[in-house]
Amino acid sequence: MENKERYYNALIKNNGQLNEIDLGEKFGLDENETREIIVQLLSEHKIEYKEDRACNYCLMNTRKMKNKRR
C-alpha cells in the first residue's frame, strides 16, 4: 500500500517525463510490482491509460470522473 501511494505521488510529479516502468524502478520496484500498482490505480479510477509522451498513464480528469458518476 505504501508503494502504491509513493508511486501515485511520483506519477503526479513525473508529468509524463519517464515511462511508467522506469518511474517504478526509481523507487526500487520491479516491472511486475509496478504493473500491479498500475492495475490497482486503474481500478480505483485514479489514473487512466493515455498515450502521451514517455508515460502511458495520466491522472484521471476529475471533471470526467464527476460526469461518469451522474
N, C-alpha and C. Protein backbone atom coordinates (compact mmCIF):
# COMPACT_ATOMS: atom_id res chain seq x y z
N MET A 1 0.83 -1.19 0.00
CA MET A 1 0.00 0.00 0.00
C MET A 1 0.87 1.26 0.00
N GLU A 2 1.94 1.22 0.78
CA GLU A 2 2.85 2.36 0.84
C GLU A 2 3.47 2.63 -0.53
N ASN A 3 3.86 1.54 -1.22
CA ASN A 3 4.46 1.70 -2.55
C ASN A 3 3.46 2.31 -3.53
N LYS A 4 2.19 1.95 -3.38
CA LYS A 4 1.18 2.49 -4.29
C LYS A 4 1.05 3.99 -4.13
N GLU A 5 1.03 4.46 -2.89
CA GLU A 5 0.93 5.91 -2.65
C GLU A 5 2.17 6.64 -3.12
N ARG A 6 3.33 6.05 -2.87
CA ARG A 6 4.59 6.67 -3.34
C ARG A 6 4.61 6.75 -4.86
N TYR A 7 4.19 5.66 -5.50
CA TYR A 7 4.17 5.63 -6.96
C TYR A 7 3.17 6.64 -7.51
N TYR A 8 1.99 6.70 -6.92
CA TYR A 8 0.96 7.63 -7.38
C TYR A 8 1.45 9.08 -7.26
N ASN A 9 2.05 9.43 -6.13
CA ASN A 9 2.59 10.78 -5.96
C ASN A 9 3.72 11.07 -6.94
N ALA A 10 4.55 10.07 -7.20
CA ALA A 10 5.63 10.24 -8.18
C ALA A 10 5.06 10.42 -9.58
N LEU A 11 3.98 9.72 -9.88
CA LEU A 11 3.33 9.85 -11.19
C LEU A 11 2.81 11.26 -11.39
N ILE A 12 2.28 11.85 -10.34
CA ILE A 12 1.81 13.23 -10.41
C ILE A 12 2.97 14.17 -10.73
N LYS A 13 4.06 14.01 -10.01
CA LYS A 13 5.23 14.89 -10.20
C LYS A 13 5.94 14.61 -11.51
N ASN A 14 5.88 13.38 -11.98
CA ASN A 14 6.57 12.96 -13.21
C ASN A 14 6.08 13.72 -14.44
N ASN A 15 4.78 13.96 -14.50
CA ASN A 15 4.17 14.71 -15.61
C ASN A 15 4.56 14.16 -16.98
N GLY A 16 4.59 12.84 -17.10
CA GLY A 16 4.83 12.20 -18.40
C GLY A 16 6.27 12.13 -18.85
N GLN A 17 7.22 12.49 -18.00
CA GLN A 17 8.62 12.53 -18.41
C GLN A 17 9.26 11.15 -18.53
N LEU A 18 9.09 10.31 -17.51
CA LEU A 18 9.62 8.95 -17.53
C LEU A 18 8.50 7.98 -17.85
N ASN A 19 8.83 6.86 -18.49
CA ASN A 19 7.78 5.87 -18.70
C ASN A 19 7.45 5.22 -17.36
N GLU A 20 6.32 4.55 -17.31
CA GLU A 20 5.79 4.04 -16.04
C GLU A 20 6.71 3.02 -15.38
N ILE A 21 7.42 2.22 -16.15
CA ILE A 21 8.31 1.20 -15.59
C ILE A 21 9.56 1.85 -15.00
N ASP A 22 10.16 2.77 -15.73
CA ASP A 22 11.34 3.49 -15.22
C ASP A 22 11.01 4.27 -13.96
N LEU A 23 9.82 4.82 -13.91
CA LEU A 23 9.39 5.56 -12.73
C LEU A 23 9.33 4.62 -11.52
N GLY A 24 8.80 3.44 -11.71
CA GLY A 24 8.77 2.45 -10.63
C GLY A 24 10.14 2.03 -10.18
N GLU A 25 11.06 1.88 -11.14
CA GLU A 25 12.43 1.48 -10.81
C GLU A 25 13.13 2.51 -9.95
N LYS A 26 12.76 3.79 -10.10
CA LYS A 26 13.35 4.83 -9.25
C LYS A 26 13.07 4.57 -7.77
N PHE A 27 11.99 3.84 -7.48
CA PHE A 27 11.61 3.54 -6.11
C PHE A 27 11.92 2.09 -5.73
N GLY A 28 12.70 1.42 -6.55
CA GLY A 28 13.10 0.05 -6.24
C GLY A 28 12.06 -0.99 -6.57
N LEU A 29 11.07 -0.64 -7.39
CA LEU A 29 10.03 -1.59 -7.79
C LEU A 29 10.45 -2.29 -9.07
N ASP A 30 10.21 -3.59 -9.15
CA ASP A 30 10.48 -4.26 -10.42
C ASP A 30 9.27 -4.09 -11.34
N GLU A 31 9.38 -4.56 -12.55
CA GLU A 31 8.33 -4.36 -13.55
C GLU A 31 6.99 -4.95 -13.10
N ASN A 32 7.02 -6.15 -12.51
CA ASN A 32 5.77 -6.78 -12.07
C ASN A 32 5.10 -6.00 -10.96
N GLU A 33 5.88 -5.54 -9.99
CA GLU A 33 5.31 -4.74 -8.89
C GLU A 33 4.69 -3.45 -9.44
N THR A 34 5.39 -2.82 -10.37
CA THR A 34 4.90 -1.58 -10.96
C THR A 34 3.59 -1.82 -11.70
N ARG A 35 3.53 -2.89 -12.47
CA ARG A 35 2.30 -3.19 -13.21
C ARG A 35 1.13 -3.50 -12.26
N GLU A 36 1.40 -4.17 -11.15
CA GLU A 36 0.35 -4.45 -10.17
C GLU A 36 -0.20 -3.15 -9.59
N ILE A 37 0.69 -2.22 -9.29
CA ILE A 37 0.26 -0.92 -8.76
C ILE A 37 -0.56 -0.18 -9.80
N ILE A 38 -0.13 -0.22 -11.05
CA ILE A 38 -0.87 0.45 -12.12
C ILE A 38 -2.28 -0.13 -12.24
N VAL A 39 -2.40 -1.45 -12.17
CA VAL A 39 -3.71 -2.10 -12.24
C VAL A 39 -4.59 -1.63 -11.08
N GLN A 40 -4.03 -1.54 -9.89
CA GLN A 40 -4.79 -1.08 -8.74
C GLN A 40 -5.26 0.36 -8.93
N LEU A 41 -4.37 1.23 -9.40
CA LEU A 41 -4.73 2.63 -9.61
C LEU A 41 -5.77 2.78 -10.72
N LEU A 42 -5.67 1.95 -11.74
CA LEU A 42 -6.68 1.97 -12.81
C LEU A 42 -8.04 1.55 -12.26
N SER A 43 -8.05 0.50 -11.44
CA SER A 43 -9.33 0.00 -10.92
C SER A 43 -9.95 0.99 -9.93
N GLU A 44 -9.13 1.81 -9.30
CA GLU A 44 -9.63 2.84 -8.37
C GLU A 44 -9.98 4.14 -9.11
N HIS A 45 -9.81 4.14 -10.43
CA HIS A 45 -10.09 5.30 -11.28
C HIS A 45 -9.26 6.53 -10.88
N LYS A 46 -8.04 6.27 -10.42
CA LYS A 46 -7.13 7.37 -10.09
C LYS A 46 -6.29 7.76 -11.30
N ILE A 47 -6.06 6.79 -12.19
CA ILE A 47 -5.30 7.06 -13.41
C ILE A 47 -6.06 6.48 -14.59
N GLU A 48 -5.62 6.88 -15.78
CA GLU A 48 -6.19 6.32 -17.00
C GLU A 48 -5.09 6.10 -18.00
N TYR A 49 -5.31 5.17 -18.94
CA TYR A 49 -4.35 4.91 -20.00
C TYR A 49 -4.48 6.00 -21.04
N LYS A 50 -3.36 6.59 -21.39
CA LYS A 50 -3.36 7.64 -22.40
C LYS A 50 -1.97 7.72 -23.00
N GLU A 51 -1.87 7.44 -24.29
CA GLU A 51 -0.57 7.52 -24.94
C GLU A 51 -0.20 8.98 -25.11
N ASP A 52 0.72 9.41 -24.27
CA ASP A 52 1.14 10.80 -24.28
C ASP A 52 2.53 10.88 -23.69
N ARG A 53 3.47 11.37 -24.45
CA ARG A 53 4.86 11.47 -24.02
C ARG A 53 5.42 10.09 -23.69
N ALA A 54 6.35 10.03 -22.75
CA ALA A 54 7.01 8.77 -22.41
C ALA A 54 6.12 7.85 -21.59
N CYS A 55 5.30 8.42 -20.72
CA CYS A 55 4.46 7.64 -19.82
C CYS A 55 3.08 7.43 -20.45
N ASN A 56 2.58 6.20 -20.38
CA ASN A 56 1.30 5.88 -20.99
C ASN A 56 0.11 6.02 -20.04
N TYR A 57 0.35 6.58 -18.86
CA TYR A 57 -0.72 6.74 -17.88
C TYR A 57 -0.71 8.17 -17.35
N CYS A 58 -1.89 8.67 -17.06
CA CYS A 58 -2.00 10.02 -16.50
C CYS A 58 -3.11 10.01 -15.46
N LEU A 59 -3.18 11.06 -14.69
CA LEU A 59 -4.21 11.19 -13.68
C LEU A 59 -5.56 11.30 -14.34
N MET A 60 -6.56 10.76 -13.68
CA MET A 60 -7.92 10.89 -14.21
C MET A 60 -8.34 12.34 -14.11
N ASN A 61 -8.99 12.80 -15.13
CA ASN A 61 -9.54 14.14 -15.14
C ASN A 61 -10.71 14.16 -14.18
N THR A 62 -10.64 14.99 -13.14
CA THR A 62 -11.70 14.99 -12.12
C THR A 62 -13.04 15.40 -12.71
N ARG A 63 -13.05 16.26 -13.68
CA ARG A 63 -14.30 16.67 -14.33
C ARG A 63 -14.92 15.47 -15.04
N LYS A 64 -14.09 14.68 -15.70
CA LYS A 64 -14.58 13.49 -16.40
C LYS A 64 -15.15 12.49 -15.40
N MET A 65 -14.49 12.33 -14.24
CA MET A 65 -14.97 11.40 -13.23
C MET A 65 -16.33 11.83 -12.68
N LYS A 66 -16.53 13.12 -12.46
CA LYS A 66 -17.80 13.60 -11.95
C LYS A 66 -18.92 13.35 -12.94
N ASN A 67 -18.65 13.52 -14.22
CA ASN A 67 -19.66 13.27 -15.25
C ASN A 67 -20.03 11.80 -15.33
N LYS A 68 -19.07 10.88 -15.09
CA LYS A 68 -19.36 9.46 -15.14
C LYS A 68 -20.28 9.04 -14.01
N ARG A 69 -20.16 9.70 -12.86
CA ARG A 69 -20.97 9.35 -11.70
C ARG A 69 -22.42 9.77 -11.85
N ARG A 70 -22.70 10.71 -12.68
CA ARG A 70 -24.07 11.22 -12.85
C ARG A 70 -24.91 10.29 -13.64
